[in-house]
């Protein structure tokens, strides 16, 4: 392994190389970012099969990362595996099935602790006040992030009148992005695996002068264009990301917004309940 490779973590090298990789190598790189434990646990032929690429692609990939061989890369990944990070665990382990409930609960609690150790009450209050004072709040998410964007929008409607989630059905993004104004609040969920246009959305929100909250997993560095960047830990004991901390953050943001709205929130909630009774929807 080269000297440069030793100076940086295995996953840092993979993430840094992703933009310059050829399509097949990039697909392998994204697979390794999501499940680095597979490289630490399997040989080159097995990894190629799991990632649906050729063994030659695996060889080219590790050389592009600065390693002399697959075994050198595998050794580096194993060294990081010994640090105890659950990110490097294989995606499945039938031997531990009886511990599934306990291990998942433990991981969820750990993700909550690690996430909220980096988010202050002052930051949460600042976001809540910005939502309340904004001309309009836009909540954006794709793929896995879409459900969280819709959930947060739904909760905020209890207290905020002008809140919209994107993308909307049958609409292009441009038809809504054109409406961004400097006194708007934009909340973008960027959980793995992110859409390619996420960086363009961040840039557009900044160009429009909005207050921007970026909610991601722990795998990204701090986004300089964001007013706030909350990184949620999503490590899991299996192949699916654990989004416990993401949901908890959504709940905290909605609850703090309602609390800071004071009498205005209670008045709006009363009107909503009155209309619910009138139309007998619930």
C-alpha atoms as a PDB file:
ATOM      1  CA  UNK A   1       0.000   0.000   0.000  1.00  0.00           C
ATOM      2  CA  UNK A   2       1.285   3.453  -0.846  1.00  0.00           C
ATOM      3  CA  UNK A   3       2.292   6.003   1.787  1.00  0.00           C
ATOM      4  CA  UNK A   4      -0.649   8.223   0.808  1.00  0.00           C
ATOM      5  CA  UNK A   5      -3.098   5.354   1.346  1.00  0.00           C
ATOM      6  CA  UNK A   6      -1.819   4.911   4.910  1.00  0.00           C
ATOM      7  CA  UNK A   7      -2.390   8.552   5.749  1.00  0.00           C
ATOM      8  CA  UNK A   8      -6.131   8.451   5.040  1.00  0.00           C
ATOM      9  CA  UNK A   9      -8.886   6.092   6.129  1.00  0.00           C
ATOM     10  CA  UNK A  10     -10.045   3.449   3.699  1.00  0.00           C
ATOM     11  CA  UNK A  11     -13.538   4.936   3.263  1.00  0.00           C
ATOM     12  CA  UNK A  12     -12.159   8.459   2.877  1.00  0.00           C
ATOM     13  CA  UNK A  13     -10.065   7.274  -0.045  1.00  0.00           C
ATOM     14  CA  UNK A  14     -13.051   5.553  -1.662  1.00  0.00           C
ATOM     15  CA  UNK A  15     -15.323   8.585  -1.301  1.00  0.00           C
ATOM     16  CA  UNK A  16     -12.650  10.941  -2.621  1.00  0.00           C
ATOM     17  CA  UNK A  17     -12.083   8.758  -5.684  1.00  0.00           C
ATOM     18  CA  UNK A  18     -15.765   8.267  -6.610  1.00  0.00           C
ATOM     19  CA  UNK A  19     -16.110  11.326  -8.919  1.00  0.00           C
ATOM     20  CA  UNK A  20     -13.129  10.206 -11.059  1.00  0.00           C
ATOM     21  CA  UNK A  21     -14.022   6.530 -11.434  1.00  0.00           C
ATOM     22  CA  UNK A  22     -15.375   4.842 -14.543  1.00  0.00           C
ATOM     23  CA  UNK A  23     -19.030   3.659 -14.296  1.00  0.00           C
ATOM     24  CA  UNK A  24     -18.325   0.052 -13.272  1.00  0.00           C
ATOM     25  CA  UNK A  25     -15.660   1.162 -10.791  1.00  0.00           C
ATOM     26  CA  UNK A  26     -17.999   3.812  -9.412  1.00  0.00           C
ATOM     27  CA  UNK A  27     -20.725   1.203  -8.905  1.00  0.00           C
ATOM     28  CA  UNK A  28     -18.219  -0.883  -6.976  1.00  0.00           C
ATOM     29  CA  UNK A  29     -17.100   2.161  -4.989  1.00  0.00           C
ATOM     30  CA  UNK A  30     -20.664   2.996  -3.986  1.00  0.00           C
ATOM     31  CA  UNK A  31     -21.240  -0.609  -2.947  1.00  0.00           C
ATOM     32  CA  UNK A  32     -18.096  -0.558  -0.822  1.00  0.00           C
ATOM     33  CA  UNK A  33     -19.137   2.761   0.787  1.00  0.00           C
ATOM     34  CA  UNK A  34     -22.473   1.228   1.769  1.00  0.00           C
ATOM     35  CA  UNK A  35     -21.048  -2.137   2.894  1.00  0.00           C
ATOM     36  CA  UNK A  36     -17.294  -1.806   3.578  1.00  0.00           C
ATOM     37  CA  UNK A  37     -17.399  -4.931   5.708  1.00  0.00           C
ATOM     38  CA  UNK A  38     -17.820  -6.969   2.532  1.00  0.00           C
ATOM     39  CA  UNK A  39     -14.344  -5.996   1.303  1.00  0.00           C
ATOM     40  CA  UNK A  40     -12.835  -6.767   4.680  1.00  0.00           C
ATOM     41  CA  UNK A  41     -14.521 -10.173   4.757  1.00  0.00           C
ATOM     42  CA  UNK A  42     -14.358 -11.554   1.212  1.00  0.00           C
ATOM     43  CA  UNK A  43     -11.817 -12.169  -1.502  1.00  0.00           C
ATOM     44  CA  UNK A  44     -11.771 -10.266  -4.809  1.00  0.00           C
ATOM     45  CA  UNK A  45     -13.843 -12.827  -6.715  1.00  0.00           C
ATOM     46  CA  UNK A  46     -16.576 -12.857  -4.057  1.00  0.00           C
ATOM     47  CA  UNK A  47     -16.677  -9.049  -3.849  1.00  0.00           C
ATOM     48  CA  UNK A  48     -16.974  -8.820  -7.644  1.00  0.00           C
ATOM     49  CA  UNK A  49     -19.972 -11.152  -7.524  1.00  0.00           C
ATOM     50  CA  UNK A  50     -21.696  -9.191  -4.750  1.00  0.00           C
ATOM     51  CA  UNK A  51     -21.179  -5.842  -6.540  1.00  0.00           C
ATOM     52  CA  UNK A  52     -22.079  -7.286  -9.972  1.00  0.00           C
ATOM     53  CA  UNK A  53     -18.764  -6.282 -11.563  1.00  0.00           C
ATOM     54  CA  UNK A  54     -15.819  -8.204 -13.006  1.00  0.00           C
ATOM     55  CA  UNK A  55     -12.765  -9.269 -11.024  1.00  0.00           C
ATOM     56  CA  UNK A  56     -10.696  -7.050 -13.338  1.00  0.00           C
ATOM     57  CA  UNK A  57     -12.817  -4.076 -12.238  1.00  0.00           C
ATOM     58  CA  UNK A  58     -12.014  -4.878  -8.610  1.00  0.00           C
ATOM     59  CA  UNK A  59      -8.283  -4.932  -9.419  1.00  0.00           C
ATOM     60  CA  UNK A  60      -8.436  -1.586 -11.252  1.00  0.00           C
ATOM     61  CA  UNK A  61     -10.508  -0.096  -8.442  1.00  0.00           C
ATOM     62  CA  UNK A  62      -8.027  -0.874  -5.669  1.00  0.00           C
ATOM     63  CA  UNK A  63      -5.121   0.430  -7.774  1.00  0.00           C
ATOM     64  CA  UNK A  64      -6.976   3.708  -8.323  1.00  0.00           C
ATOM     65  CA  UNK A  65      -7.259   4.001  -4.553  1.00  0.00           C
ATOM     66  CA  UNK A  66      -3.477   3.763  -4.279  1.00  0.00           C
ATOM     67  CA  UNK A  67      -3.170   0.176  -3.094  1.00  0.00           C
ATOM     68  CA  UNK A  68      -0.647  -2.221  -4.624  1.00  0.00           C
ATOM     69  CA  UNK A  69      -3.070  -5.141  -4.511  1.00  0.00           C
ATOM     70  CA  UNK A  70      -6.511  -6.237  -3.374  1.00  0.00           C
ATOM     71  CA  UNK A  71      -4.970  -7.854  -0.309  1.00  0.00           C
ATOM     72  CA  UNK A  72      -3.370  -4.534   0.659  1.00  0.00           C
ATOM     73  CA  UNK A  73      -6.743  -2.801   0.450  1.00  0.00           C
ATOM     74  CA  UNK A  74      -8.401  -5.657   2.323  1.00  0.00           C
ATOM     75  CA  UNK A  75      -5.763  -5.432   5.071  1.00  0.00           C
ATOM     76  CA  UNK A  76      -6.402  -1.706   5.470  1.00  0.00           C
ATOM     77  CA  UNK A  77     -10.170  -2.288   5.667  1.00  0.00           C
ATOM     78  CA  UNK A  78      -9.629  -5.003   8.271  1.00  0.00           C
ATOM     79  CA  UNK A  79      -7.496  -2.611  10.344  1.00  0.00           C
ATOM     80  CA  UNK A  80     -10.403  -0.172  10.429  1.00  0.00           C
ATOM     81  CA  UNK A  81     -12.764  -3.050  11.200  1.00  0.00           C
ATOM     82  CA  UNK A  82     -10.840  -3.711  14.407  1.00  0.00           C
ATOM     83  CA  UNK A  83     -11.618  -0.191  15.660  1.00  0.00           C
ATOM     84  CA  UNK A  84     -15.102  -1.450  16.496  1.00  0.00           C
ATOM     85  CA  UNK A  85     -17.060   0.577  13.942  1.00  0.00           C
ATOM     86  CA  UNK A  86     -20.289  -1.259  13.073  1.00  0.00           C
ATOM     87  CA  UNK A  87     -20.044   0.215   9.601  1.00  0.00           C
ATOM     88  CA  UNK A  88     -17.448  -2.442   8.808  1.00  0.00           C
ATOM     89  CA  UNK A  89     -19.561  -5.382   9.887  1.00  0.00           C
ATOM     90  CA  UNK A  90     -20.676  -7.711   7.066  1.00  0.00           C
ATOM     91  CA  UNK A  91     -24.213  -7.061   5.856  1.00  0.00           C
ATOM     92  CA  UNK A  92     -25.537 -10.292   7.388  1.00  0.00           C
ATOM     93  CA  UNK A  93     -24.514 -12.853   9.952  1.00  0.00           C
ATOM     94  CA  UNK A  94     -26.784 -15.840  10.463  1.00  0.00           C
ATOM     95  CA  UNK A  95     -24.857 -16.780  13.602  1.00  0.00           C
ATOM     96  CA  UNK A  96     -26.241 -13.757  15.441  1.00  0.00           C
ATOM     97  CA  UNK A  97     -29.886 -14.045  14.412  1.00  0.00           C
ATOM     98  CA  UNK A  98     -30.962 -14.746  17.993  1.00  0.00           C
ATOM     99  CA  UNK A  99     -29.463 -11.398  19.025  1.00  0.00           C
ATOM    100  CA  UNK A 100     -31.210  -9.423  16.266  1.00  0.00           C
ATOM    101  CA  UNK A 101     -33.674  -7.542  18.477  1.00  0.00           C
ATOM    102  CA  UNK A 102     -31.124  -6.646  21.138  1.00  0.00           C
ATOM    103  CA  UNK A 103     -28.445  -5.610  18.656  1.00  0.00           C
ATOM    104  CA  UNK A 104     -30.837  -3.455  16.644  1.00  0.00           C
ATOM    105  CA  UNK A 105     -32.082  -1.689  19.762  1.00  0.00           C
ATOM    106  CA  UNK A 106     -28.511  -1.151  20.923  1.00  0.00           C
ATOM    107  CA  UNK A 107     -27.518   0.285  17.562  1.00  0.00           C
ATOM    108  CA  UNK A 108     -30.531   2.597  17.462  1.00  0.00           C
ATOM    109  CA  UNK A 109     -29.664   3.984  20.896  1.00  0.00           C
ATOM    110  CA  UNK A 110     -26.026   4.437  19.887  1.00  0.00           C
ATOM    111  CA  UNK A 111     -27.075   6.300  16.736  1.00  0.00           C
ATOM    112  CA  UNK A 112     -29.248   8.633  18.807  1.00  0.00           C
ATOM    113  CA  UNK A 113     -26.419   9.360  21.244  1.00  0.00           C
ATOM    114  CA  UNK A 114     -23.870  10.041  18.504  1.00  0.00           C
ATOM    115  CA  UNK A 115     -26.251  12.187  16.471  1.00  0.00           C
ATOM    116  CA  UNK A 116     -27.436  14.481  19.242  1.00  0.00           C
ATOM    117  CA  UNK A 117     -23.967  14.824  20.710  1.00  0.00           C
ATOM    118  CA  UNK A 118     -23.208  17.073  17.720  1.00  0.00           C
ATOM    119  CA  UNK A 119     -26.477  19.069  17.578  1.00  0.00           C
ATOM    120  CA  UNK A 120     -27.025  21.843  20.108  1.00  0.00           C
ATOM    121  CA  UNK A 121     -30.276  23.140  21.567  1.00  0.00           C
ATOM    122  CA  UNK A 122     -29.380  26.587  20.243  1.00  0.00           C
ATOM    123  CA  UNK A 123     -29.143  25.217  16.684  1.00  0.00           C
ATOM    124  CA  UNK A 124     -32.494  23.467  16.955  1.00  0.00           C
ATOM    125  CA  UNK A 125     -34.111  26.644  18.324  1.00  0.00           C
ATOM    126  CA  UNK A 126     -32.539  28.694  15.542  1.00  0.00           C
ATOM    127  CA  UNK A 127     -33.988  26.376  12.901  1.00  0.00           C
ATOM    128  CA  UNK A 128     -37.426  26.421  14.556  1.00  0.00           C
ATOM    129  CA  UNK A 129     -37.509  30.219  14.723  1.00  0.00           C
ATOM    130  CA  UNK A 130     -36.424  30.439  11.084  1.00  0.00           C
ATOM    131  CA  UNK A 131     -39.277  28.123  10.057  1.00  0.00           C
ATOM    132  CA  UNK A 132     -41.761  30.265  11.981  1.00  0.00           C
ATOM    133  CA  UNK A 133     -40.533  33.545  10.483  1.00  0.00           C
ATOM    134  CA  UNK A 134     -40.001  32.302   6.914  1.00  0.00           C
ATOM    135  CA  UNK A 135     -42.201  33.404   4.045  1.00  0.00           C
ATOM    136  CA  UNK A 136     -42.373  29.730   3.095  1.00  0.00           C
ATOM    137  CA  UNK A 137     -40.640  26.527   4.134  1.00  0.00           C
ATOM    138  CA  UNK A 138     -39.637  23.986   1.488  1.00  0.00           C
ATOM    139  CA  UNK A 139     -38.846  20.405   2.517  1.00  0.00           C
ATOM    140  CA  UNK A 140     -37.062  18.323  -0.127  1.00  0.00           C
ATOM    141  CA  UNK A 141     -36.151  14.660  -0.281  1.00  0.00           C
ATOM    142  CA  UNK A 142     -35.708  11.852  -2.810  1.00  0.00           C
ATOM    143  CA  UNK A 143     -35.719   8.067  -2.486  1.00  0.00           C
ATOM    144  CA  UNK A 144     -35.409   7.166   1.221  1.00  0.00           C
ATOM    145  CA  UNK A 145     -35.287  10.866   2.080  1.00  0.00           C
ATOM    146  CA  UNK A 146     -38.668  11.512   0.463  1.00  0.00           C
ATOM    147  CA  UNK A 147     -40.624   9.830   3.260  1.00  0.00           C
ATOM    148  CA  UNK A 148     -38.851  11.923   5.909  1.00  0.00           C
ATOM    149  CA  UNK A 149     -39.471  15.121   3.951  1.00  0.00           C
ATOM    150  CA  UNK A 150     -43.188  14.311   3.717  1.00  0.00           C
ATOM    151  CA  UNK A 151     -43.332  13.391   7.404  1.00  0.00           C
ATOM    152  CA  UNK A 152     -41.670  16.615   8.547  1.00  0.00           C
ATOM    153  CA  UNK A 153     -43.905  18.712   6.274  1.00  0.00           C
ATOM    154  CA  UNK A 154     -46.998  16.968   7.660  1.00  0.00           C
ATOM    155  CA  UNK A 155     -45.946  17.657  11.253  1.00  0.00           C
ATOM    156  CA  UNK A 156     -45.056  21.284  10.532  1.00  0.00           C
ATOM    157  CA  UNK A 157     -48.499  21.941   9.033  1.00  0.00           C
ATOM    158  CA  UNK A 158     -49.826  21.741  12.586  1.00  0.00           C
ATOM    159  CA  UNK A 159     -48.293  25.153  13.189  1.00  0.00           C
ATOM    160  CA  UNK A 160     -46.968  26.534   9.867  1.00  0.00           C
ATOM    161  CA  UNK A 161     -49.291  27.497   7.029  1.00  0.00           C
ATOM    162  CA  UNK A 162     -46.780  27.870   4.204  1.00  0.00           C
ATOM    163  CA  UNK A 163     -44.870  24.602   4.051  1.00  0.00           C
ATOM    164  CA  UNK A 164     -44.411  22.426   0.951  1.00  0.00           C
ATOM    165  CA  UNK A 165     -42.591  19.169   0.273  1.00  0.00           C
ATOM    166  CA  UNK A 166     -40.823  18.465  -3.011  1.00  0.00           C
ATOM    167  CA  UNK A 167     -40.895  16.810  -5.441  1.00  0.00           C
ATOM    168  CA  UNK A 168     -44.643  16.935  -5.984  1.00  0.00           C
ATOM    169  CA  UNK A 169     -46.578  14.516  -8.148  1.00  0.00           C
ATOM    170  CA  UNK A 170     -46.663  15.447 -11.835  1.00  0.00           C
ATOM    171  CA  UNK A 171     -44.429  18.498 -11.368  1.00  0.00           C
ATOM    172  CA  UNK A 172     -40.929  19.343 -12.486  1.00  0.00           C
ATOM    173  CA  UNK A 173     -38.539  20.714  -9.890  1.00  0.00           C
ATOM    174  CA  UNK A 174     -38.081  23.868 -11.926  1.00  0.00           C
ATOM    175  CA  UNK A 175     -41.756  24.746 -11.537  1.00  0.00           C
ATOM    176  CA  UNK A 176     -41.199  25.023  -7.779  1.00  0.00           C
ATOM    177  CA  UNK A 177     -37.545  26.014  -7.484  1.00  0.00           C
ATOM    178  CA  UNK A 178     -38.316  29.228  -9.373  1.00  0.00           C
ATOM    179  CA  UNK A 179     -40.327  30.311  -6.313  1.00  0.00           C
ATOM    180  CA  UNK A 180     -37.412  30.279  -3.846  1.00  0.00           C
ATOM    181  CA  UNK A 181     -36.990  33.671  -2.141  1.00  0.00           C
ATOM    182  CA  UNK A 182     -34.354  35.080   0.269  1.00  0.00           C
ATOM    183  CA  UNK A 183     -36.774  34.969   3.206  1.00  0.00           C
ATOM    184  CA  UNK A 184     -37.587  31.279   2.675  1.00  0.00           C
ATOM    185  CA  UNK A 185     -36.349  28.301   4.669  1.00  0.00           C
ATOM    186  CA  UNK A 186     -35.208  25.253   2.700  1.00  0.00           C
ATOM    187  CA  UNK A 187     -34.759  21.852   4.346  1.00  0.00           C
ATOM    188  CA  UNK A 188     -33.011  19.232   2.202  1.00  0.00           C
ATOM    189  CA  UNK A 189     -32.722  15.592   3.236  1.00  0.00           C
ATOM    190  CA  UNK A 190     -29.640  13.994   1.688  1.00  0.00           C
ATOM    191  CA  UNK A 191     -29.508  10.484   3.110  1.00  0.00           C
ATOM    192  CA  UNK A 192     -27.646   7.698   1.325  1.00  0.00           C
ATOM    193  CA  UNK A 193     -27.923   7.017  -1.466  1.00  0.00           C
ATOM    194  CA  UNK A 194     -28.163  10.591  -2.647  1.00  0.00           C
ATOM    195  CA  UNK A 195     -29.533  11.700  -6.002  1.00  0.00           C
ATOM    196  CA  UNK A 196     -26.955  13.201  -8.358  1.00  0.00           C
ATOM    197  CA  UNK A 197     -28.798  16.543  -8.430  1.00  0.00           C
ATOM    198  CA  UNK A 198     -28.492  17.126  -4.669  1.00  0.00           C
ATOM    199  CA  UNK A 199     -25.452  19.379  -5.068  1.00  0.00           C
ATOM    200  CA  UNK A 200     -27.316  21.458  -7.661  1.00  0.00           C
ATOM    201  CA  UNK A 201     -30.215  21.911  -5.231  1.00  0.00           C
ATOM    202  CA  UNK A 202     -27.840  23.047  -2.488  1.00  0.00           C
ATOM    203  CA  UNK A 203     -26.229  25.529  -4.862  1.00  0.00           C
ATOM    204  CA  UNK A 204     -29.617  26.859  -6.019  1.00  0.00           C
ATOM    205  CA  UNK A 205     -30.840  27.362  -2.447  1.00  0.00           C
ATOM    206  CA  UNK A 206     -27.665  29.290  -1.646  1.00  0.00           C
ATOM    207  CA  UNK A 207     -27.921  31.398  -4.818  1.00  0.00           C
ATOM    208  CA  UNK A 208     -31.465  32.372  -3.835  1.00  0.00           C
ATOM    209  CA  UNK A 209     -30.268  33.520  -0.410  1.00  0.00           C
ATOM    210  CA  UNK A 210     -32.452  31.105   1.567  1.00  0.00           C
ATOM    211  CA  UNK A 211     -31.723  29.774   5.035  1.00  0.00           C
ATOM    212  CA  UNK A 212     -30.703  26.168   4.364  1.00  0.00           C
ATOM    213  CA  UNK A 213     -30.880  23.148   6.669  1.00  0.00           C
ATOM    214  CA  UNK A 214     -29.121  20.062   5.270  1.00  0.00           C
ATOM    215  CA  UNK A 215     -29.933  16.746   6.969  1.00  0.00           C
ATOM    216  CA  UNK A 216     -27.680  13.842   5.977  1.00  0.00           C
ATOM    217  CA  UNK A 217     -26.116  10.667   7.279  1.00  0.00           C
ATOM    218  CA  UNK A 218     -22.731  10.736   9.018  1.00  0.00           C
ATOM    219  CA  UNK A 219     -20.820   9.944   5.838  1.00  0.00           C
ATOM    220  CA  UNK A 220     -20.589  13.523   4.553  1.00  0.00           C
ATOM    221  CA  UNK A 221     -18.258  16.302   5.589  1.00  0.00           C
ATOM    222  CA  UNK A 222     -19.845  19.561   6.747  1.00  0.00           C
ATOM    223  CA  UNK A 223     -21.536  21.290   3.811  1.00  0.00           C
ATOM    224  CA  UNK A 224     -20.218  24.888   3.632  1.00  0.00           C
ATOM    225  CA  UNK A 225     -23.220  26.202   1.687  1.00  0.00           C
ATOM    226  CA  UNK A 226     -25.687  25.152   4.416  1.00  0.00           C
ATOM    227  CA  UNK A 227     -26.756  27.440   7.257  1.00  0.00           C
ATOM    228  CA  UNK A 228     -27.049  24.317   9.403  1.00  0.00           C
ATOM    229  CA  UNK A 229     -25.886  20.783   8.635  1.00  0.00           C
ATOM    230  CA  UNK A 230     -27.241  18.051  10.921  1.00  0.00           C
ATOM    231  CA  UNK A 231     -25.588  14.657  10.394  1.00  0.00           C
ATOM    232  CA  UNK A 232     -27.572  11.655  11.627  1.00  0.00           C
ATOM    233  CA  UNK A 233     -25.813   8.413  12.424  1.00  0.00           C
ATOM    234  CA  UNK A 234     -27.367   5.559  10.459  1.00  0.00           C
ATOM    235  CA  UNK A 235     -25.109   2.609  11.269  1.00  0.00           C
ATOM    236  CA  UNK A 236     -26.904  -0.728  11.367  1.00  0.00           C
ATOM    237  CA  UNK A 237     -26.278  -4.339  12.262  1.00  0.00           C
ATOM    238  CA  UNK A 238     -27.541  -5.491   8.861  1.00  0.00           C
ATOM    239  CA  UNK A 239     -27.769  -4.369   5.234  1.00  0.00           C
ATOM    240  CA  UNK A 240     -30.372  -1.613   5.816  1.00  0.00           C
ATOM    241  CA  UNK A 241     -29.500   1.784   7.253  1.00  0.00           C
ATOM    242  CA  UNK A 242     -30.889   2.542  10.714  1.00  0.00           C
ATOM    243  CA  UNK A 243     -32.890   5.797  10.480  1.00  0.00           C
ATOM    244  CA  UNK A 244     -33.917   6.017  14.136  1.00  0.00           C
ATOM    245  CA  UNK A 245     -31.982   9.260  14.634  1.00  0.00           C
ATOM    246  CA  UNK A 246     -33.449  10.820  11.484  1.00  0.00           C
ATOM    247  CA  UNK A 247     -37.004  10.282  12.716  1.00  0.00           C
ATOM    248  CA  UNK A 248     -36.075  11.554  16.175  1.00  0.00           C
ATOM    249  CA  UNK A 249     -34.622  14.715  14.631  1.00  0.00           C
ATOM    250  CA  UNK A 250     -37.810  15.292  12.605  1.00  0.00           C
ATOM    251  CA  UNK A 251     -39.858  14.936  15.777  1.00  0.00           C
ATOM    252  CA  UNK A 252     -37.604  17.330  17.702  1.00  0.00           C
ATOM    253  CA  UNK A 253     -37.726  19.995  14.986  1.00  0.00           C
ATOM    254  CA  UNK A 254     -41.535  19.815  14.723  1.00  0.00           C
ATOM    255  CA  UNK A 255     -42.073  19.834  18.487  1.00  0.00           C
ATOM    256  CA  UNK A 256     -39.691  22.734  19.073  1.00  0.00           C
ATOM    257  CA  UNK A 257     -41.366  24.737  16.302  1.00  0.00           C
ATOM    258  CA  UNK A 258     -44.771  24.174  17.924  1.00  0.00           C
ATOM    259  CA  UNK A 259     -43.414  25.113  21.364  1.00  0.00           C
ATOM    260  CA  UNK A 260     -41.790  28.334  20.166  1.00  0.00           C
ATOM    261  CA  UNK A 261     -44.923  29.333  18.238  1.00  0.00           C
ATOM    262  CA  UNK A 262     -46.749  29.633  21.576  1.00  0.00           C
ATOM    263  CA  UNK A 263     -50.374  30.775  21.463  1.00  0.00           C
ATOM    264  CA  UNK A 264     -50.351  30.915  17.662  1.00  0.00           C
ATOM    265  CA  UNK A 265     -49.740  27.173  17.461  1.00  0.00           C
ATOM    266  CA  UNK A 266     -52.532  26.341  19.887  1.00  0.00           C
ATOM    267  CA  UNK A 267     -54.952  28.581  17.979  1.00  0.00           C
ATOM    268  CA  UNK A 268     -54.117  26.893  14.668  1.00  0.00           C
ATOM    269  CA  UNK A 269     -54.368  23.424  16.221  1.00  0.00           C
ATOM    270  CA  UNK A 270     -57.819  24.275  17.623  1.00  0.00           C
ATOM    271  CA  UNK A 271     -59.019  25.425  14.198  1.00  0.00           C
ATOM    272  CA  UNK A 272     -57.683  22.237  12.606  1.00  0.00           C
ATOM    273  CA  UNK A 273     -59.524  20.077  15.150  1.00  0.00           C
ATOM    274  CA  UNK A 274     -62.720  22.070  14.676  1.00  0.00           C
ATOM    275  CA  UNK A 275     -62.599  21.439  10.926  1.00  0.00           C
ATOM    276  CA  UNK A 276     -61.789  17.772  11.493  1.00  0.00           C
ATOM    277  CA  UNK A 277     -64.943  17.476  13.624  1.00  0.00           C
ATOM    278  CA  UNK A 278     -67.071  19.363  11.110  1.00  0.00           C
ATOM    279  CA  UNK A 279     -66.077  17.157   8.185  1.00  0.00           C
ATOM    280  CA  UNK A 280     -66.012  13.976  10.304  1.00  0.00           C
ATOM    281  CA  UNK A 281     -62.777  12.838   8.688  1.00  0.00           C
ATOM    282  CA  UNK A 282     -61.394  11.162  11.778  1.00  0.00           C
END
